Amino acid sequence: LAALPPATARGSAEKAAEASNVAFVDKLWQVESGQRPLGERIADAIMRALFRDGFAVEGPEDKDAPQAEKGIVPALIWQEGVGPEGSSQPKNDLQENRMVALQLLVTFLS
């Protein structure tokens, strides 16, 4: 407890950190001349990564991937057993990439 700064110093440091966070969040959602806000562009990039061919879903060059059936592309469904017959579990590297993209999304939203 002796290492903790006095309550008044802690309070001012916390206020400064909060002001810094507010400024950062404001910058993320500030609209500049004709461009989408930075936060929106980051969220869009993360969402695109979740369904990027060869990164989080099997790419069209994968010959083993089932083709679209009744408007459903099995490679875009993440859960085994959901979707048309013949859907299979993705490769391990795709699973790892999915986890990284989801962790990035959670971090961005927190």
Protein backbone atom coordinates (compact mmCIF):
# COMPACT_ATOMS: atom_id res chain seq x y z
CA LEU A 1 0.00 0.00 0.00
CA ALA A 2 2.92 2.35 0.63
CA ALA A 3 3.80 2.20 -3.09
CA LEU A 4 0.43 3.58 -4.13
CA PRO A 5 0.32 7.30 -4.89
CA PRO A 6 -1.92 9.53 -2.80
CA ALA A 7 -5.62 9.44 -3.71
CA THR A 8 -5.49 12.91 -5.26
CA ALA A 9 -2.64 11.96 -7.59
CA ARG A 10 -4.38 8.73 -8.56
CA GLY A 11 -7.58 10.63 -9.29
CA SER A 12 -5.88 13.12 -11.59
CA ALA A 13 -3.99 10.33 -13.40
CA GLU A 14 -7.24 8.44 -13.91
CA LYS A 15 -8.93 11.58 -15.22
CA ALA A 16 -6.07 12.16 -17.66
CA ALA A 17 -6.25 8.55 -18.87
CA GLU A 18 -10.01 8.81 -19.30
CA ALA A 19 -9.65 12.06 -21.26
CA SER A 20 -7.06 10.37 -23.46
CA ASN A 21 -9.41 7.43 -24.10
CA VAL A 22 -12.27 9.79 -24.96
CA ALA A 23 -10.04 11.66 -27.41
CA PHE A 24 -9.02 8.36 -29.05
CA VAL A 25 -12.63 7.16 -29.37
CA ASP A 26 -13.63 10.54 -30.80
CA LYS A 27 -10.85 10.22 -33.39
CA LEU A 28 -12.07 6.73 -34.36
CA TRP A 29 -15.56 7.97 -35.18
CA GLN A 30 -14.73 11.41 -36.56
CA VAL A 31 -16.01 11.86 -40.13
CA GLU A 32 -13.53 13.49 -42.46
CA SER A 33 -14.22 14.94 -45.91
CA GLY A 34 -16.15 12.24 -47.73
CA GLN A 35 -14.45 9.30 -46.00
CA ARG A 36 -15.94 6.77 -43.65
CA PRO A 37 -14.77 7.07 -40.03
CA LEU A 38 -11.57 5.21 -39.15
CA GLY A 39 -13.42 2.99 -36.67
CA GLU A 40 -15.89 1.90 -39.34
CA ARG A 41 -13.07 1.07 -41.75
CA ILE A 42 -11.26 -0.98 -39.07
CA ALA A 43 -14.46 -2.88 -38.20
CA ASP A 44 -15.09 -3.53 -41.90
CA ALA A 45 -11.56 -4.87 -42.38
CA ILE A 46 -11.94 -7.21 -39.39
CA MET A 47 -15.29 -8.51 -40.66
CA ARG A 48 -13.80 -9.10 -44.12
CA ALA A 49 -10.96 -11.09 -42.52
CA LEU A 50 -13.53 -13.41 -40.92
CA PHE A 51 -14.63 -14.57 -44.40
CA ARG A 52 -11.44 -14.05 -46.44
CA ASP A 53 -10.77 -16.90 -48.91
CA GLY A 54 -7.75 -18.87 -47.82
CA PHE A 55 -7.51 -17.06 -44.48
CA ALA A 56 -10.61 -18.02 -42.51
CA VAL A 57 -12.58 -19.96 -45.13
CA GLU A 58 -11.49 -22.36 -47.82
CA GLY A 59 -10.61 -20.56 -51.02
CA PRO A 60 -12.21 -21.28 -54.39
CA GLU A 61 -8.99 -22.98 -55.51
CA ASP A 62 -9.58 -25.79 -52.96
CA LYS A 63 -10.80 -28.68 -55.08
CA ASP A 64 -12.09 -30.53 -51.99
CA ALA A 65 -14.47 -27.71 -51.01
CA PRO A 66 -18.12 -28.43 -51.86
CA GLN A 67 -19.77 -26.03 -54.29
CA ALA A 68 -22.78 -23.82 -53.57
CA GLU A 69 -25.98 -25.77 -53.06
CA LYS A 70 -29.39 -24.04 -52.89
CA GLY A 71 -27.66 -20.68 -52.49
CA ILE A 72 -25.50 -21.85 -49.57
CA VAL A 73 -21.72 -21.89 -49.83
CA PRO A 74 -20.62 -24.59 -47.36
CA ALA A 75 -17.09 -23.14 -47.10
CA LEU A 76 -18.54 -20.00 -45.46
CA ILE A 77 -20.29 -21.96 -42.69
CA TRP A 78 -18.02 -22.28 -39.69
CA GLN A 79 -19.84 -25.03 -37.80
CA GLU A 80 -19.55 -28.66 -38.86
CA GLY A 81 -22.91 -30.34 -39.45
CA VAL A 82 -24.65 -27.11 -40.46
CA GLY A 83 -25.42 -26.70 -44.14
CA PRO A 84 -25.67 -29.11 -47.06
CA GLU A 85 -24.47 -32.70 -46.91
CA GLY A 86 -20.76 -33.01 -47.56
CA SER A 87 -19.80 -29.99 -45.49
CA SER A 88 -16.61 -30.72 -43.61
CA GLN A 89 -14.54 -29.26 -40.82
CA PRO A 90 -11.93 -26.76 -42.08
CA LYS A 91 -8.19 -27.25 -41.85
CA ASN A 92 -6.36 -26.42 -38.62
CA ASP A 93 -4.69 -23.31 -40.02
CA LEU A 94 -8.10 -21.89 -40.96
CA GLN A 95 -9.34 -22.57 -37.43
CA GLU A 96 -6.34 -20.73 -35.97
CA ASN A 97 -6.87 -17.78 -38.31
CA ARG A 98 -10.54 -17.63 -37.33
CA MET A 99 -9.58 -17.46 -33.65
CA VAL A 100 -7.11 -14.64 -34.32
CA ALA A 101 -9.70 -12.67 -36.30
CA LEU A 102 -12.32 -13.16 -33.57
CA GLN A 103 -9.85 -12.10 -30.88
CA LEU A 104 -9.10 -8.97 -32.91
CA LEU A 105 -12.83 -8.23 -33.21
CA VAL A 106 -13.38 -8.66 -29.47
CA THR A 107 -10.39 -6.45 -28.72
CA PHE A 108 -11.64 -3.76 -31.08
CA LEU A 109 -15.12 -3.81 -29.56
CA SER A 110 -13.94 -3.67 -25.95
